[in-house]
């Protein structure tokens, strides 16, 4: 194994077939030369992208969780808006570092936890006046809404740039569709009120 994905995070991974390849790929990861891009759906409507530069280590009291800590290891996540909904946002997240649960911890640190995250997300938050479809999607989404879309690295033998992508899974597409339709229905109700 060259790297891992959190349990219940979908997407692309790279596995080395030789020890030489594994060593070279781990070195690329350590040197921050591997492009790792994720799709995340978070709670709350963000208005801009940004960077979270906040060190991460084990949570002070809960050993199953990670947390932002001053004495933690360097952790940097860049994020930008992909699609804004009424009460949620789809983000493109790019990892500069690769700490355990990094995107999940950083988004929770910003007070925009990933939808469905059982460890960092808290209780289910339903937007006021949400459509029945959105309520069903949010209640039925049983994992964090996080997907590893793209992994790009230099092949350890040929030197060729390798770009691997994984299509967005059906459950995440359905969630985003329900969020989009809820936003459109809300906007229509607001227009009708005027």
C-alpha atoms as a PDB file:
ATOM      1  CA  UNK A   1       0.000   0.000   0.000  1.00  0.00           C
ATOM      2  CA  UNK A   2       1.240   3.474  -0.883  1.00  0.00           C
ATOM      3  CA  UNK A   3      -1.514   5.434   0.873  1.00  0.00           C
ATOM      4  CA  UNK A   4      -4.932   4.823   2.395  1.00  0.00           C
ATOM      5  CA  UNK A   5      -8.439   6.190   2.156  1.00  0.00           C
ATOM      6  CA  UNK A   6     -10.575   6.646   5.245  1.00  0.00           C
ATOM      7  CA  UNK A   7     -13.215   3.986   5.799  1.00  0.00           C
ATOM      8  CA  UNK A   8     -16.324   4.924   3.784  1.00  0.00           C
ATOM      9  CA  UNK A   9     -14.462   7.386   1.549  1.00  0.00           C
ATOM     10  CA  UNK A  10     -14.875   6.383  -2.084  1.00  0.00           C
ATOM     11  CA  UNK A  11     -12.445   6.914  -4.912  1.00  0.00           C
ATOM     12  CA  UNK A  12      -9.093   6.203  -6.474  1.00  0.00           C
ATOM     13  CA  UNK A  13      -6.097   4.638  -4.733  1.00  0.00           C
ATOM     14  CA  UNK A  14      -2.661   3.572  -5.913  1.00  0.00           C
ATOM     15  CA  UNK A  15      -1.083   0.259  -4.958  1.00  0.00           C
ATOM     16  CA  UNK A  16       2.523  -0.495  -5.917  1.00  0.00           C
ATOM     17  CA  UNK A  17       3.335  -3.839  -7.532  1.00  0.00           C
ATOM     18  CA  UNK A  18       7.012  -3.806  -6.503  1.00  0.00           C
ATOM     19  CA  UNK A  19       8.971  -2.629  -3.493  1.00  0.00           C
ATOM     20  CA  UNK A  20      10.950  -0.257  -5.752  1.00  0.00           C
ATOM     21  CA  UNK A  21       7.730   1.365  -6.997  1.00  0.00           C
ATOM     22  CA  UNK A  22       6.300   1.569  -3.488  1.00  0.00           C
ATOM     23  CA  UNK A  23       9.442   3.284  -2.170  1.00  0.00           C
ATOM     24  CA  UNK A  24       9.469   5.793  -5.038  1.00  0.00           C
ATOM     25  CA  UNK A  25       5.776   6.613  -4.641  1.00  0.00           C
ATOM     26  CA  UNK A  26       6.074   7.065  -0.875  1.00  0.00           C
ATOM     27  CA  UNK A  27       8.984   9.441  -1.524  1.00  0.00           C
ATOM     28  CA  UNK A  28       6.808  11.434  -3.956  1.00  0.00           C
ATOM     29  CA  UNK A  29       4.078  11.649  -1.325  1.00  0.00           C
ATOM     30  CA  UNK A  30       6.565  12.810   1.319  1.00  0.00           C
ATOM     31  CA  UNK A  31       7.965  15.434  -1.066  1.00  0.00           C
ATOM     32  CA  UNK A  32       4.389  16.657  -1.768  1.00  0.00           C
ATOM     33  CA  UNK A  33       4.722  15.821  -5.456  1.00  0.00           C
ATOM     34  CA  UNK A  34       1.540  13.740  -5.750  1.00  0.00           C
ATOM     35  CA  UNK A  35      -1.616  15.599  -6.801  1.00  0.00           C
ATOM     36  CA  UNK A  36      -4.579  14.366  -4.715  1.00  0.00           C
ATOM     37  CA  UNK A  37      -7.953  15.923  -5.416  1.00  0.00           C
ATOM     38  CA  UNK A  38     -11.187  15.145  -3.570  1.00  0.00           C
ATOM     39  CA  UNK A  39     -14.842  16.083  -3.873  1.00  0.00           C
ATOM     40  CA  UNK A  40     -16.484  16.883  -0.537  1.00  0.00           C
ATOM     41  CA  UNK A  41     -20.006  18.019   0.286  1.00  0.00           C
ATOM     42  CA  UNK A  42     -20.050  20.077   3.460  1.00  0.00           C
ATOM     43  CA  UNK A  43     -22.701  21.568   5.712  1.00  0.00           C
ATOM     44  CA  UNK A  44     -23.163  25.308   5.239  1.00  0.00           C
ATOM     45  CA  UNK A  45     -23.019  27.623   2.238  1.00  0.00           C
ATOM     46  CA  UNK A  46     -19.436  28.816   1.807  1.00  0.00           C
ATOM     47  CA  UNK A  47     -18.866  31.953  -0.247  1.00  0.00           C
ATOM     48  CA  UNK A  48     -15.231  31.408  -1.266  1.00  0.00           C
ATOM     49  CA  UNK A  49     -12.451  28.886  -1.342  1.00  0.00           C
ATOM     50  CA  UNK A  50      -9.322  29.039   0.739  1.00  0.00           C
ATOM     51  CA  UNK A  51      -6.582  27.141   2.496  1.00  0.00           C
ATOM     52  CA  UNK A  52      -6.577  25.497   5.892  1.00  0.00           C
ATOM     53  CA  UNK A  53      -3.069  25.423   7.335  1.00  0.00           C
ATOM     54  CA  UNK A  54      -3.623  23.828  10.732  1.00  0.00           C
ATOM     55  CA  UNK A  55      -1.516  21.078  12.343  1.00  0.00           C
ATOM     56  CA  UNK A  56      -3.201  17.753  13.096  1.00  0.00           C
ATOM     57  CA  UNK A  57      -2.553  15.075  15.698  1.00  0.00           C
ATOM     58  CA  UNK A  58      -4.523  12.696  17.911  1.00  0.00           C
ATOM     59  CA  UNK A  59      -7.416  14.337  19.732  1.00  0.00           C
ATOM     60  CA  UNK A  60      -6.499  15.220  23.327  1.00  0.00           C
ATOM     61  CA  UNK A  61      -9.320  13.136  24.887  1.00  0.00           C
ATOM     62  CA  UNK A  62     -10.732  10.845  22.183  1.00  0.00           C
ATOM     63  CA  UNK A  63      -8.051   8.486  20.820  1.00  0.00           C
ATOM     64  CA  UNK A  64     -10.258   7.466  17.854  1.00  0.00           C
ATOM     65  CA  UNK A  65     -10.345  11.007  16.519  1.00  0.00           C
ATOM     66  CA  UNK A  66      -7.796  13.414  15.167  1.00  0.00           C
ATOM     67  CA  UNK A  67      -7.883  17.127  15.881  1.00  0.00           C
ATOM     68  CA  UNK A  68      -6.264  20.452  15.124  1.00  0.00           C
ATOM     69  CA  UNK A  69      -3.504  20.866  17.706  1.00  0.00           C
ATOM     70  CA  UNK A  70      -0.694  23.390  18.021  1.00  0.00           C
ATOM     71  CA  UNK A  71       1.757  20.560  18.728  1.00  0.00           C
ATOM     72  CA  UNK A  72       0.497  18.498  15.759  1.00  0.00           C
ATOM     73  CA  UNK A  73       2.054  17.650  12.421  1.00  0.00           C
ATOM     74  CA  UNK A  74       1.974  20.119   9.544  1.00  0.00           C
ATOM     75  CA  UNK A  75      -1.299  19.779   7.585  1.00  0.00           C
ATOM     76  CA  UNK A  76      -2.433  21.891   4.621  1.00  0.00           C
ATOM     77  CA  UNK A  77      -5.692  21.542   2.656  1.00  0.00           C
ATOM     78  CA  UNK A  78      -6.622  23.821  -0.248  1.00  0.00           C
ATOM     79  CA  UNK A  79     -10.319  24.015  -1.139  1.00  0.00           C
ATOM     80  CA  UNK A  80     -12.405  25.778  -3.736  1.00  0.00           C
ATOM     81  CA  UNK A  81     -16.101  25.993  -4.431  1.00  0.00           C
ATOM     82  CA  UNK A  82     -17.379  23.545  -6.981  1.00  0.00           C
ATOM     83  CA  UNK A  83     -21.100  24.140  -6.456  1.00  0.00           C
ATOM     84  CA  UNK A  84     -22.994  26.144  -3.869  1.00  0.00           C
ATOM     85  CA  UNK A  85     -26.373  25.001  -2.616  1.00  0.00           C
ATOM     86  CA  UNK A  86     -28.804  26.667  -0.254  1.00  0.00           C
ATOM     87  CA  UNK A  87     -27.384  25.203   2.955  1.00  0.00           C
ATOM     88  CA  UNK A  88     -24.484  23.067   1.705  1.00  0.00           C
ATOM     89  CA  UNK A  89     -21.451  23.402  -0.555  1.00  0.00           C
ATOM     90  CA  UNK A  90     -19.653  21.003  -2.882  1.00  0.00           C
ATOM     91  CA  UNK A  91     -15.915  21.585  -2.590  1.00  0.00           C
ATOM     92  CA  UNK A  92     -12.878  20.502  -4.520  1.00  0.00           C
ATOM     93  CA  UNK A  93     -10.187  19.762  -1.937  1.00  0.00           C
ATOM     94  CA  UNK A  94      -6.513  19.342  -2.744  1.00  0.00           C
ATOM     95  CA  UNK A  95      -4.178  17.842  -0.191  1.00  0.00           C
ATOM     96  CA  UNK A  96      -0.738  19.343   0.195  1.00  0.00           C
ATOM     97  CA  UNK A  97      -0.020  16.990   3.096  1.00  0.00           C
ATOM     98  CA  UNK A  98      -1.597  13.649   3.936  1.00  0.00           C
ATOM     99  CA  UNK A  99      -2.568  13.372   7.591  1.00  0.00           C
ATOM    100  CA  UNK A 100      -5.104  10.889   8.905  1.00  0.00           C
ATOM    101  CA  UNK A 101      -8.661  12.245   8.389  1.00  0.00           C
ATOM    102  CA  UNK A 102      -7.137  15.527   7.154  1.00  0.00           C
ATOM    103  CA  UNK A 103     -10.002  16.879   5.017  1.00  0.00           C
ATOM    104  CA  UNK A 104     -12.589  15.744   7.556  1.00  0.00           C
ATOM    105  CA  UNK A 105     -10.719  17.408  10.451  1.00  0.00           C
ATOM    106  CA  UNK A 106      -9.996  20.617   8.551  1.00  0.00           C
ATOM    107  CA  UNK A 107     -13.581  21.054   7.344  1.00  0.00           C
ATOM    108  CA  UNK A 108     -14.924  20.416  10.865  1.00  0.00           C
ATOM    109  CA  UNK A 109     -12.354  22.938  12.143  1.00  0.00           C
ATOM    110  CA  UNK A 110     -13.874  25.509   9.750  1.00  0.00           C
ATOM    111  CA  UNK A 111     -17.330  24.635  11.182  1.00  0.00           C
ATOM    112  CA  UNK A 112     -18.328  23.117   7.819  1.00  0.00           C
ATOM    113  CA  UNK A 113     -18.267  19.402   8.551  1.00  0.00           C
ATOM    114  CA  UNK A 114     -18.619  16.894   5.752  1.00  0.00           C
ATOM    115  CA  UNK A 115     -22.175  15.626   5.272  1.00  0.00           C
ATOM    116  CA  UNK A 116     -22.686  12.222   6.884  1.00  0.00           C
ATOM    117  CA  UNK A 117     -19.366  12.214   8.747  1.00  0.00           C
ATOM    118  CA  UNK A 118     -20.037  10.041  11.805  1.00  0.00           C
ATOM    119  CA  UNK A 119     -16.858  11.095  13.626  1.00  0.00           C
ATOM    120  CA  UNK A 120     -16.579  14.841  12.994  1.00  0.00           C
ATOM    121  CA  UNK A 121     -19.983  15.873  11.681  1.00  0.00           C
ATOM    122  CA  UNK A 122     -22.191  15.848  14.756  1.00  0.00           C
ATOM    123  CA  UNK A 123     -25.911  15.277  14.480  1.00  0.00           C
ATOM    124  CA  UNK A 124     -27.859  15.473  11.220  1.00  0.00           C
ATOM    125  CA  UNK A 125     -28.704  19.039  10.219  1.00  0.00           C
ATOM    126  CA  UNK A 126     -31.775  19.470   8.014  1.00  0.00           C
ATOM    127  CA  UNK A 127     -32.202  22.869   6.338  1.00  0.00           C
ATOM    128  CA  UNK A 128     -35.409  24.687   7.213  1.00  0.00           C
ATOM    129  CA  UNK A 129     -38.047  24.005   4.574  1.00  0.00           C
ATOM    130  CA  UNK A 130     -36.029  21.238   2.896  1.00  0.00           C
ATOM    131  CA  UNK A 131     -37.756  19.191   0.204  1.00  0.00           C
ATOM    132  CA  UNK A 132     -38.855  15.654   1.075  1.00  0.00           C
ATOM    133  CA  UNK A 133     -36.304  14.315  -1.418  1.00  0.00           C
ATOM    134  CA  UNK A 134     -33.446  16.173   0.288  1.00  0.00           C
ATOM    135  CA  UNK A 135     -34.547  15.042   3.738  1.00  0.00           C
ATOM    136  CA  UNK A 136     -34.622  11.431   2.508  1.00  0.00           C
ATOM    137  CA  UNK A 137     -31.179  11.792   0.886  1.00  0.00           C
ATOM    138  CA  UNK A 138     -29.590  13.363   3.971  1.00  0.00           C
ATOM    139  CA  UNK A 139     -31.120  10.791   6.326  1.00  0.00           C
ATOM    140  CA  UNK A 140     -30.167   7.930   4.020  1.00  0.00           C
ATOM    141  CA  UNK A 141     -26.570   9.012   3.391  1.00  0.00           C
ATOM    142  CA  UNK A 142     -24.680   6.607   5.638  1.00  0.00           C
ATOM    143  CA  UNK A 143     -21.068   7.673   5.044  1.00  0.00           C
ATOM    144  CA  UNK A 144     -19.077  10.864   4.780  1.00  0.00           C
ATOM    145  CA  UNK A 145     -19.690  12.672   1.487  1.00  0.00           C
ATOM    146  CA  UNK A 146     -16.034  12.483   0.483  1.00  0.00           C
ATOM    147  CA  UNK A 147     -14.665  11.069  -2.772  1.00  0.00           C
ATOM    148  CA  UNK A 148     -11.055  10.787  -3.976  1.00  0.00           C
ATOM    149  CA  UNK A 149     -11.484  11.966  -7.583  1.00  0.00           C
ATOM    150  CA  UNK A 150      -7.957  12.291  -8.929  1.00  0.00           C
ATOM    151  CA  UNK A 151      -4.518  10.963  -8.115  1.00  0.00           C
ATOM    152  CA  UNK A 152      -1.614  12.121 -10.271  1.00  0.00           C
ATOM    153  CA  UNK A 153       2.009  11.060  -9.863  1.00  0.00           C
ATOM    154  CA  UNK A 154       5.174  10.306 -11.816  1.00  0.00           C
ATOM    155  CA  UNK A 155       5.577   6.651 -12.759  1.00  0.00           C
ATOM    156  CA  UNK A 156       8.568   5.370 -10.747  1.00  0.00           C
ATOM    157  CA  UNK A 157      10.147   3.549 -13.721  1.00  0.00           C
ATOM    158  CA  UNK A 158       9.111   5.345 -16.928  1.00  0.00           C
ATOM    159  CA  UNK A 159       9.010   8.884 -15.499  1.00  0.00           C
ATOM    160  CA  UNK A 160       5.663   9.382 -17.272  1.00  0.00           C
ATOM    161  CA  UNK A 161       2.956  11.416 -15.515  1.00  0.00           C
ATOM    162  CA  UNK A 162       0.117   9.094 -14.546  1.00  0.00           C
ATOM    163  CA  UNK A 163      -3.324  10.559 -13.865  1.00  0.00           C
ATOM    164  CA  UNK A 164      -5.985   8.281 -12.388  1.00  0.00           C
ATOM    165  CA  UNK A 165      -9.578   9.321 -11.824  1.00  0.00           C
ATOM    166  CA  UNK A 166     -12.588   7.639 -10.271  1.00  0.00           C
ATOM    167  CA  UNK A 167     -16.135   8.565 -11.290  1.00  0.00           C
ATOM    168  CA  UNK A 168     -18.322  10.109  -8.611  1.00  0.00           C
ATOM    169  CA  UNK A 169     -20.416   7.280  -7.091  1.00  0.00           C
ATOM    170  CA  UNK A 170     -24.180   7.139  -7.496  1.00  0.00           C
ATOM    171  CA  UNK A 171     -24.962   7.908  -3.827  1.00  0.00           C
ATOM    172  CA  UNK A 172     -22.977  11.153  -3.935  1.00  0.00           C
ATOM    173  CA  UNK A 173     -24.460  12.146  -7.303  1.00  0.00           C
ATOM    174  CA  UNK A 174     -27.959  11.557  -5.901  1.00  0.00           C
ATOM    175  CA  UNK A 175     -27.183  13.661  -2.830  1.00  0.00           C
ATOM    176  CA  UNK A 176     -25.898  16.543  -4.969  1.00  0.00           C
ATOM    177  CA  UNK A 177     -28.936  16.291  -7.260  1.00  0.00           C
ATOM    178  CA  UNK A 178     -31.264  16.541  -4.236  1.00  0.00           C
ATOM    179  CA  UNK A 179     -29.286  19.530  -2.900  1.00  0.00           C
ATOM    180  CA  UNK A 180     -29.476  21.242  -6.298  1.00  0.00           C
ATOM    181  CA  UNK A 181     -33.243  20.631  -6.629  1.00  0.00           C
ATOM    182  CA  UNK A 182     -33.834  21.819  -3.047  1.00  0.00           C
ATOM    183  CA  UNK A 183     -31.940  25.051  -3.799  1.00  0.00           C
ATOM    184  CA  UNK A 184     -33.981  25.595  -6.973  1.00  0.00           C
ATOM    185  CA  UNK A 185     -37.271  24.905  -5.139  1.00  0.00           C
ATOM    186  CA  UNK A 186     -36.294  27.329  -2.358  1.00  0.00           C
ATOM    187  CA  UNK A 187     -35.394  30.059  -4.881  1.00  0.00           C
ATOM    188  CA  UNK A 188     -38.723  29.541  -6.641  1.00  0.00           C
ATOM    189  CA  UNK A 189     -40.640  29.807  -3.345  1.00  0.00           C
ATOM    190  CA  UNK A 190     -38.774  33.029  -2.561  1.00  0.00           C
ATOM    191  CA  UNK A 191     -39.655  34.502  -5.992  1.00  0.00           C
ATOM    192  CA  UNK A 192     -43.315  33.560  -5.510  1.00  0.00           C
ATOM    193  CA  UNK A 193     -43.376  35.289  -2.104  1.00  0.00           C
ATOM    194  CA  UNK A 194     -42.318  38.607  -3.647  1.00  0.00           C
END
